[in-house]
């Protein structure tokens, strides 16, 4: 089996329901993963929009996810440090935690959820930037998987 990331809310390359966007409750979608490689010490997750007018827009940075974890429930709290040990970075809205898809009116964008299996625990404080996280992830990733959803506003 291959390392895989899925959601019960939407299938790969399908529409992300309004509930998980700025048009709805703006809560993070439920995510599940399986078959992480041997040697995984923890996970990191990003959600980004590569179609944003100003370049890639970061919607979520979640890291220090314990290796024993295989899912995220809907609506991860927007707190720098979560009760189960993970930390969240700043998204491009300027907030900590998840900020749902919100493309300009009349356009449909792709939203990439990427999960990284890391062979070493990261030493990043809560509130880290995209660049800080990706620098660490590139150094310590032993596998990666992703899920892409689409969202458009009429």
N, C-alpha and C. Protein backbone atom coordinates (compact mmCIF):
# COMPACT_ATOMS: atom_id res chain seq x y z
N UNK A 1 0.84 -1.19 0.00
CA UNK A 1 0.00 0.00 0.00
C UNK A 1 0.89 1.25 0.00
N UNK A 2 0.34 2.30 -0.55
CA UNK A 2 1.07 3.56 -0.62
C UNK A 2 0.56 4.53 0.44
N UNK A 3 1.45 5.38 0.90
CA UNK A 3 1.10 6.46 1.82
C UNK A 3 0.01 7.29 1.13
N UNK A 4 -1.14 7.47 1.81
CA UNK A 4 -2.28 8.11 1.17
C UNK A 4 -3.02 9.03 2.13
N UNK A 5 -3.49 10.16 1.59
CA UNK A 5 -4.28 11.14 2.34
C UNK A 5 -5.66 11.23 1.69
N UNK A 6 -6.72 11.10 2.50
CA UNK A 6 -8.09 11.17 1.98
C UNK A 6 -8.95 12.02 2.92
N UNK A 7 -10.13 12.37 2.43
CA UNK A 7 -11.11 13.08 3.24
C UNK A 7 -12.49 12.47 3.00
N UNK A 8 -13.27 12.36 4.06
CA UNK A 8 -14.65 11.89 3.91
C UNK A 8 -15.55 13.01 3.38
N UNK A 9 -15.03 14.23 3.31
CA UNK A 9 -15.81 15.38 2.86
C UNK A 9 -15.76 15.61 1.35
N UNK A 10 -14.66 15.21 0.71
CA UNK A 10 -14.52 15.37 -0.73
C UNK A 10 -13.47 14.40 -1.25
N UNK A 11 -13.61 14.04 -2.53
CA UNK A 11 -12.66 13.14 -3.18
C UNK A 11 -11.60 13.95 -3.91
N UNK A 12 -10.50 13.32 -4.21
CA UNK A 12 -9.41 13.99 -4.90
C UNK A 12 -9.90 14.59 -6.22
N UNK A 13 -9.54 15.84 -6.45
CA UNK A 13 -9.86 16.62 -7.63
C UNK A 13 -11.33 17.00 -7.73
N UNK A 14 -12.09 16.77 -6.67
CA UNK A 14 -13.51 17.14 -6.65
C UNK A 14 -13.69 18.46 -5.90
N UNK A 15 -14.92 18.95 -5.88
CA UNK A 15 -15.24 20.21 -5.22
C UNK A 15 -15.19 20.07 -3.70
N UNK A 16 -14.61 21.06 -3.06
CA UNK A 16 -14.60 21.14 -1.60
C UNK A 16 -15.95 21.73 -1.18
N UNK A 17 -16.68 21.07 -0.29
CA UNK A 17 -17.98 21.60 0.13
C UNK A 17 -17.86 22.98 0.78
N UNK A 18 -18.89 23.79 0.58
CA UNK A 18 -18.92 25.16 1.13
C UNK A 18 -18.59 25.20 2.62
N UNK A 19 -18.99 24.19 3.37
CA UNK A 19 -18.78 24.16 4.82
C UNK A 19 -17.32 24.46 5.19
N UNK A 20 -16.39 24.06 4.35
CA UNK A 20 -14.96 24.17 4.65
C UNK A 20 -14.32 25.40 4.01
N UNK A 21 -15.15 26.36 3.60
CA UNK A 21 -14.67 27.55 2.88
C UNK A 21 -15.17 28.82 3.56
N UNK A 22 -14.74 29.96 3.03
CA UNK A 22 -15.19 31.26 3.56
C UNK A 22 -16.67 31.49 3.32
N UNK A 23 -17.29 30.72 2.45
CA UNK A 23 -18.72 30.85 2.17
C UNK A 23 -19.55 30.05 3.17
N UNK A 24 -18.89 29.20 3.97
CA UNK A 24 -19.59 28.35 4.92
C UNK A 24 -19.08 28.57 6.33
N UNK A 25 -18.95 27.47 7.08
CA UNK A 25 -18.49 27.54 8.47
C UNK A 25 -16.99 27.82 8.58
N UNK A 26 -16.26 27.65 7.46
CA UNK A 26 -14.81 27.89 7.43
C UNK A 26 -14.07 27.05 8.47
N UNK A 27 -14.46 25.78 8.59
CA UNK A 27 -13.78 24.84 9.47
C UNK A 27 -12.93 23.90 8.62
N UNK A 28 -11.89 23.36 9.21
CA UNK A 28 -11.03 22.43 8.48
C UNK A 28 -11.77 21.13 8.20
N UNK A 29 -11.51 20.53 7.04
CA UNK A 29 -12.18 19.28 6.70
C UNK A 29 -11.57 18.10 7.46
N UNK A 30 -12.34 17.01 7.60
CA UNK A 30 -11.78 15.81 8.20
C UNK A 30 -10.76 15.19 7.22
N UNK A 31 -9.64 14.74 7.73
CA UNK A 31 -8.60 14.13 6.91
C UNK A 31 -8.15 12.84 7.57
N UNK A 32 -7.84 11.85 6.75
CA UNK A 32 -7.36 10.55 7.23
C UNK A 32 -6.18 10.13 6.37
N UNK A 33 -5.20 9.49 6.98
CA UNK A 33 -4.07 8.98 6.20
C UNK A 33 -3.75 7.56 6.64
N UNK A 34 -3.07 6.88 5.73
CA UNK A 34 -2.72 5.47 5.98
C UNK A 34 -1.38 5.14 5.35
N UNK A 35 -0.81 4.04 5.84
CA UNK A 35 0.43 3.47 5.30
C UNK A 35 1.61 4.43 5.33
N UNK A 36 1.78 5.11 6.46
CA UNK A 36 2.97 5.95 6.63
C UNK A 36 4.20 5.04 6.63
N UNK A 37 5.30 5.52 6.09
CA UNK A 37 6.49 4.68 6.02
C UNK A 37 7.09 4.39 7.40
N UNK A 38 7.79 3.28 7.47
CA UNK A 38 8.52 2.94 8.69
C UNK A 38 9.54 4.03 8.96
N UNK A 39 9.70 4.38 10.21
CA UNK A 39 10.65 5.42 10.59
C UNK A 39 10.01 6.79 10.75
N UNK A 40 8.70 6.89 10.51
CA UNK A 40 8.02 8.17 10.67
C UNK A 40 8.04 8.57 12.14
N UNK A 41 8.54 9.76 12.43
CA UNK A 41 8.59 10.30 13.79
C UNK A 41 7.44 11.25 14.07
N UNK A 42 6.97 11.93 13.02
CA UNK A 42 5.82 12.84 13.13
C UNK A 42 5.41 13.24 11.73
N UNK A 43 4.29 14.00 11.65
CA UNK A 43 3.78 14.47 10.38
C UNK A 43 3.67 15.99 10.38
N UNK A 44 3.66 16.54 9.17
CA UNK A 44 3.38 17.96 8.96
C UNK A 44 2.38 18.05 7.81
N UNK A 45 1.50 19.04 7.87
CA UNK A 45 0.46 19.20 6.86
C UNK A 45 0.44 20.65 6.40
N UNK A 46 0.29 20.84 5.10
CA UNK A 46 0.08 22.18 4.54
C UNK A 46 -1.16 22.15 3.66
N UNK A 47 -1.79 23.30 3.51
CA UNK A 47 -2.86 23.47 2.54
C UNK A 47 -2.57 24.78 1.82
N UNK A 48 -2.44 24.70 0.50
CA UNK A 48 -2.07 25.88 -0.29
C UNK A 48 -2.87 25.96 -1.58
N UNK A 49 -3.04 27.20 -2.04
CA UNK A 49 -3.70 27.51 -3.31
C UNK A 49 -2.65 28.04 -4.27
N UNK A 50 -2.24 27.22 -5.26
CA UNK A 50 -1.23 27.68 -6.22
C UNK A 50 -1.80 28.62 -7.29
N UNK A 51 -3.12 28.77 -7.33
CA UNK A 51 -3.77 29.58 -8.36
C UNK A 51 -4.09 31.00 -7.90
N UNK A 52 -3.70 31.36 -6.70
CA UNK A 52 -4.00 32.69 -6.17
C UNK A 52 -3.35 33.77 -7.05
N UNK A 53 -4.02 34.89 -7.23
CA UNK A 53 -3.51 35.96 -8.09
C UNK A 53 -2.09 36.43 -7.74
N UNK A 54 -1.75 36.45 -6.46
CA UNK A 54 -0.44 36.93 -6.04
C UNK A 54 0.60 35.83 -5.89
N UNK A 55 0.31 34.64 -6.35
CA UNK A 55 1.20 33.49 -6.16
C UNK A 55 0.63 32.55 -5.10
N UNK A 56 1.33 31.50 -4.80
CA UNK A 56 0.84 30.49 -3.86
C UNK A 56 0.39 31.13 -2.55
N UNK A 57 -0.83 30.79 -2.13
CA UNK A 57 -1.44 31.33 -0.92
C UNK A 57 -1.58 30.19 0.08
N UNK A 58 -1.02 30.37 1.27
CA UNK A 58 -1.05 29.33 2.31
C UNK A 58 -2.32 29.46 3.15
N UNK A 59 -3.05 28.35 3.25
CA UNK A 59 -4.29 28.31 4.02
C UNK A 59 -4.14 27.60 5.36
N UNK A 60 -3.10 26.75 5.50
CA UNK A 60 -2.97 26.01 6.75
C UNK A 60 -1.58 25.43 6.87
N UNK A 61 -1.01 25.53 8.06
CA UNK A 61 0.25 24.90 8.42
C UNK A 61 0.04 24.20 9.75
N UNK A 62 0.17 22.89 9.76
CA UNK A 62 -0.01 22.09 10.97
C UNK A 62 1.18 21.15 11.06
N UNK A 63 1.85 21.12 12.20
CA UNK A 63 3.07 20.32 12.31
C UNK A 63 3.20 19.76 13.73
N UNK A 64 4.24 18.96 13.93
CA UNK A 64 4.42 18.23 15.19
C UNK A 64 3.23 17.31 15.45
N UNK A 65 2.65 16.78 14.38
CA UNK A 65 1.54 15.83 14.50
C UNK A 65 2.15 14.49 14.91
N UNK A 66 1.74 13.92 16.04
CA UNK A 66 2.34 12.68 16.53
C UNK A 66 2.25 11.54 15.50
N UNK A 67 3.29 10.73 15.44
CA UNK A 67 3.37 9.64 14.47
C UNK A 67 2.25 8.62 14.63
N UNK A 68 1.71 8.48 15.83
CA UNK A 68 0.64 7.50 16.07
C UNK A 68 -0.70 7.98 15.51
N UNK A 69 -0.80 9.22 15.17
CA UNK A 69 -2.07 9.79 14.70
C UNK A 69 -2.29 9.44 13.23
N UNK A 70 -3.54 9.13 12.86
CA UNK A 70 -3.86 8.79 11.47
C UNK A 70 -5.03 9.60 10.94
N UNK A 71 -5.48 10.59 11.71
CA UNK A 71 -6.60 11.39 11.22
C UNK A 71 -6.69 12.73 11.95
N UNK A 72 -7.40 13.64 11.30
CA UNK A 72 -7.76 14.92 11.91
C UNK A 72 -9.27 15.04 11.78
N UNK A 73 -9.92 15.31 12.88
CA UNK A 73 -11.36 15.52 12.86
C UNK A 73 -11.67 16.86 12.21
N UNK A 74 -12.89 17.00 11.76
CA UNK A 74 -13.36 18.28 11.23
C UNK A 74 -13.21 19.36 12.30
N UNK A 75 -12.84 20.54 11.87
CA UNK A 75 -12.82 21.69 12.76
C UNK A 75 -11.69 21.71 13.77
N UNK A 76 -10.45 21.50 13.32
CA UNK A 76 -9.30 21.61 14.22
C UNK A 76 -9.31 23.03 14.79
N UNK A 77 -9.22 23.17 16.12
CA UNK A 77 -9.26 24.51 16.74
C UNK A 77 -8.13 25.40 16.20
N UNK A 78 -8.43 26.68 16.08
CA UNK A 78 -7.44 27.65 15.60
C UNK A 78 -6.61 28.15 16.77
N UNK A 79 -5.78 27.28 17.30
CA UNK A 79 -4.92 27.59 18.44
C UNK A 79 -3.48 27.29 18.05
N UNK A 80 -2.52 28.05 18.57
CA UNK A 80 -1.12 27.80 18.22
C UNK A 80 -0.65 26.40 18.61
N UNK A 81 -1.07 25.92 19.78
CA UNK A 81 -0.70 24.59 20.24
C UNK A 81 -1.99 23.83 20.56
N UNK A 82 -2.10 22.62 20.04
CA UNK A 82 -3.29 21.81 20.26
C UNK A 82 -3.09 20.86 21.43
N UNK A 83 -4.16 20.46 22.06
CA UNK A 83 -4.10 19.64 23.27
C UNK A 83 -3.38 18.32 23.05
N UNK A 84 -3.36 17.81 21.85
CA UNK A 84 -2.72 16.53 21.56
C UNK A 84 -1.29 16.67 21.02
N UNK A 85 -0.72 17.88 21.13
CA UNK A 85 0.70 18.05 20.87
C UNK A 85 1.10 18.75 19.60
N UNK A 86 0.21 18.87 18.64
CA UNK A 86 0.58 19.53 17.38
C UNK A 86 0.63 21.05 17.56
N UNK A 87 1.28 21.70 16.60
CA UNK A 87 1.37 23.16 16.58
C UNK A 87 0.89 23.64 15.21
N UNK A 88 0.44 24.89 15.18
CA UNK A 88 -0.01 25.47 13.92
C UNK A 88 0.75 26.75 13.62
N UNK A 89 0.98 26.94 12.32
CA UNK A 89 1.67 28.13 11.87
C UNK A 89 0.69 29.18 11.38
N UNK A 90 1.25 30.29 10.89
CA UNK A 90 0.45 31.40 10.37
C UNK A 90 0.13 31.16 8.90
N UNK A 91 -1.15 31.34 8.57
CA UNK A 91 -1.55 31.25 7.17
C UNK A 91 -1.41 32.64 6.53
N UNK A 92 -1.70 32.73 5.25
CA UNK A 92 -1.54 34.00 4.55
C UNK A 92 -2.68 34.99 4.80
N UNK A 93 -3.68 34.57 5.58
CA UNK A 93 -4.68 35.52 6.06
C UNK A 93 -4.12 36.28 7.27
N UNK A 94 -2.97 35.80 7.80
CA UNK A 94 -2.34 36.41 8.96
C UNK A 94 -2.77 35.79 10.27
N UNK A 95 -3.47 34.65 10.20
CA UNK A 95 -3.97 33.99 11.39
C UNK A 95 -3.30 32.64 11.62
N UNK A 96 -3.38 32.15 12.85
CA UNK A 96 -2.91 30.81 13.17
C UNK A 96 -4.04 29.84 12.89
N UNK A 97 -3.72 28.71 12.29
CA UNK A 97 -4.71 27.67 12.03
C UNK A 97 -5.25 27.72 10.61
N UNK A 98 -6.35 27.00 10.42
CA UNK A 98 -6.96 26.84 9.11
C UNK A 98 -7.75 28.08 8.69
N UNK A 99 -7.58 28.46 7.44
CA UNK A 99 -8.39 29.48 6.79
C UNK A 99 -8.84 28.89 5.47
N UNK A 100 -10.11 28.68 5.30
CA UNK A 100 -10.63 27.95 4.15
C UNK A 100 -10.49 28.65 2.82
N UNK A 101 -10.73 27.88 1.75
CA UNK A 101 -10.69 28.44 0.40
C UNK A 101 -11.60 29.65 0.27
N UNK A 102 -11.10 30.66 -0.43
CA UNK A 102 -11.86 31.90 -0.62
C UNK A 102 -11.33 32.63 -1.86
N UNK A 103 -11.38 31.95 -3.03
CA UNK A 103 -10.83 32.58 -4.23
C UNK A 103 -11.67 33.78 -4.66
N UNK A 104 -11.11 34.61 -5.51
CA UNK A 104 -11.87 35.75 -6.02
C UNK A 104 -13.17 35.27 -6.69
N UNK A 105 -14.18 36.10 -6.63
CA UNK A 105 -15.46 35.77 -7.27
C UNK A 105 -15.23 35.46 -8.75
N UNK A 106 -15.93 34.45 -9.23
CA UNK A 106 -15.87 34.10 -10.64
C UNK A 106 -14.71 33.19 -11.03
N UNK A 107 -13.96 32.69 -10.05
CA UNK A 107 -12.84 31.82 -10.39
C UNK A 107 -12.87 30.54 -9.55
N UNK A 108 -12.33 29.48 -10.12
CA UNK A 108 -12.19 28.21 -9.41
C UNK A 108 -10.70 27.94 -9.25
N UNK A 109 -10.30 27.60 -8.04
CA UNK A 109 -8.89 27.34 -7.73
C UNK A 109 -8.70 25.92 -7.23
N UNK A 110 -7.46 25.47 -7.29
CA UNK A 110 -7.06 24.18 -6.73
C UNK A 110 -6.50 24.41 -5.33
N UNK A 111 -6.82 23.50 -4.43
CA UNK A 111 -6.33 23.58 -3.05
C UNK A 111 -5.64 22.27 -2.72
N UNK A 112 -4.34 22.36 -2.48
CA UNK A 112 -3.53 21.17 -2.25
C UNK A 112 -3.28 20.97 -0.75
N UNK A 113 -3.80 19.87 -0.23
CA UNK A 113 -3.49 19.44 1.13
C UNK A 113 -2.31 18.47 0.97
N UNK A 114 -1.19 18.78 1.61
CA UNK A 114 -0.01 17.91 1.51
C UNK A 114 0.40 17.44 2.90
N UNK A 115 0.56 16.14 3.02
CA UNK A 115 0.97 15.55 4.29
C UNK A 115 2.37 14.99 4.12
N UNK A 116 3.24 15.33 5.04
CA UNK A 116 4.64 14.89 5.01
C UNK A 116 4.90 13.97 6.19
N UNK A 117 5.49 12.81 5.91
CA UNK A 117 5.98 11.92 6.97
C UNK A 117 7.43 12.34 7.22
N UNK A 118 7.75 12.62 8.46
CA UNK A 118 9.08 13.14 8.80
C UNK A 118 9.86 12.12 9.60
N UNK A 119 11.12 11.98 9.28
CA UNK A 119 11.99 11.03 9.96
C UNK A 119 12.62 11.59 11.21
N UNK A 120 12.30 12.82 11.55
CA UNK A 120 12.83 13.46 12.74
C UNK A 120 11.79 14.47 13.23
N UNK A 121 11.73 14.68 14.52
CA UNK A 121 10.81 15.67 15.06
C UNK A 121 11.33 17.07 14.77
N UNK A 122 10.43 17.95 14.42
CA UNK A 122 10.80 19.33 14.11
C UNK A 122 10.93 20.15 15.38
N UNK A 123 11.79 21.13 15.31
CA UNK A 123 11.98 22.04 16.43
C UNK A 123 11.52 23.43 15.99
N UNK A 124 10.20 23.55 15.79
CA UNK A 124 9.62 24.82 15.36
C UNK A 124 8.63 25.30 16.41
N UNK A 125 8.65 26.57 16.72
CA UNK A 125 7.67 27.09 17.68
C UNK A 125 6.30 27.23 17.02
N UNK A 126 5.24 27.30 17.81
CA UNK A 126 3.92 27.60 17.26
C UNK A 126 3.97 28.94 16.54
N UNK A 127 3.18 29.07 15.48
CA UNK A 127 3.14 30.33 14.73
C UNK A 127 4.20 30.43 13.66
N UNK A 128 4.86 29.33 13.32
CA UNK A 128 5.92 29.36 12.31
C UNK A 128 5.36 29.79 10.95
N UNK A 129 6.25 30.31 10.13
CA UNK A 129 5.88 30.73 8.78
C UNK A 129 5.98 29.55 7.82
N UNK A 130 5.40 29.74 6.63
CA UNK A 130 5.49 28.72 5.58
C UNK A 130 6.95 28.41 5.26
N UNK A 131 7.76 29.44 5.10
CA UNK A 131 9.16 29.22 4.75
C UNK A 131 9.90 28.46 5.84
N UNK A 132 9.65 28.78 7.10
CA UNK A 132 10.29 28.06 8.19
C UNK A 132 9.90 26.58 8.15
N UNK A 133 8.61 26.31 7.99
CA UNK A 133 8.15 24.93 7.98
C UNK A 133 8.69 24.17 6.78
N UNK A 134 8.58 24.75 5.60
CA UNK A 134 9.03 24.02 4.41
C UNK A 134 10.53 23.77 4.40
N UNK A 135 11.29 24.67 4.97
CA UNK A 135 12.74 24.45 5.08
C UNK A 135 13.02 23.19 5.91
N UNK A 136 12.32 23.06 7.04
CA UNK A 136 12.48 21.89 7.91
C UNK A 136 11.94 20.63 7.25
N UNK A 137 10.78 20.75 6.62
CA UNK A 137 10.15 19.59 5.97
C UNK A 137 11.06 19.04 4.88
N UNK A 138 11.61 19.92 4.06
CA UNK A 138 12.49 19.46 2.97
C UNK A 138 13.69 18.68 3.51
N UNK A 139 14.15 19.06 4.67
CA UNK A 139 15.31 18.40 5.26
C UNK A 139 14.96 17.04 5.87
N UNK A 140 13.73 16.89 6.39
CA UNK A 140 13.40 15.70 7.17
C UNK A 140 12.29 14.82 6.60
N UNK A 141 11.72 15.16 5.44
CA UNK A 141 10.64 14.36 4.86
C UNK A 141 11.18 13.03 4.34
N UNK A 142 10.49 11.95 4.72
CA UNK A 142 10.84 10.63 4.18
C UNK A 142 9.76 10.15 3.20
N UNK A 143 8.59 10.81 3.22
CA UNK A 143 7.52 10.51 2.27
C UNK A 143 6.54 11.68 2.28
N UNK A 144 5.79 11.78 1.21
CA UNK A 144 4.76 12.82 1.12
C UNK A 144 3.59 12.27 0.32
N UNK A 145 2.42 12.79 0.62
CA UNK A 145 1.21 12.44 -0.10
C UNK A 145 0.33 13.66 -0.15
N UNK A 146 -0.68 13.63 -0.96
CA UNK A 146 -1.52 14.81 -1.06
C UNK A 146 -2.93 14.52 -1.50
N UNK A 147 -3.75 15.53 -1.34
CA UNK A 147 -5.15 15.50 -1.73
C UNK A 147 -5.46 16.88 -2.28
N UNK A 148 -5.99 16.91 -3.51
CA UNK A 148 -6.30 18.19 -4.13
C UNK A 148 -7.81 18.31 -4.31
N UNK A 149 -8.35 19.43 -3.83
CA UNK A 149 -9.76 19.73 -4.03
C UNK A 149 -9.88 21.05 -4.78
N UNK A 150 -11.05 21.28 -5.34
CA UNK A 150 -11.30 22.51 -6.09
C UNK A 150 -12.41 23.31 -5.41
N UNK A 151 -12.30 24.63 -5.54
CA UNK A 151 -13.38 25.45 -5.03
C UNK A 151 -13.47 26.71 -5.86
N UNK A 152 -14.69 27.06 -6.22
CA UNK A 152 -14.92 28.27 -6.98
C UNK A 152 -16.09 29.04 -6.42
N UNK A 153 -16.02 30.35 -6.57
CA UNK A 153 -17.10 31.23 -6.14
C UNK A 153 -17.74 31.85 -7.38
N UNK A 154 -19.07 31.78 -7.47
CA UNK A 154 -19.75 32.29 -8.69
C UNK A 154 -19.59 33.79 -8.87
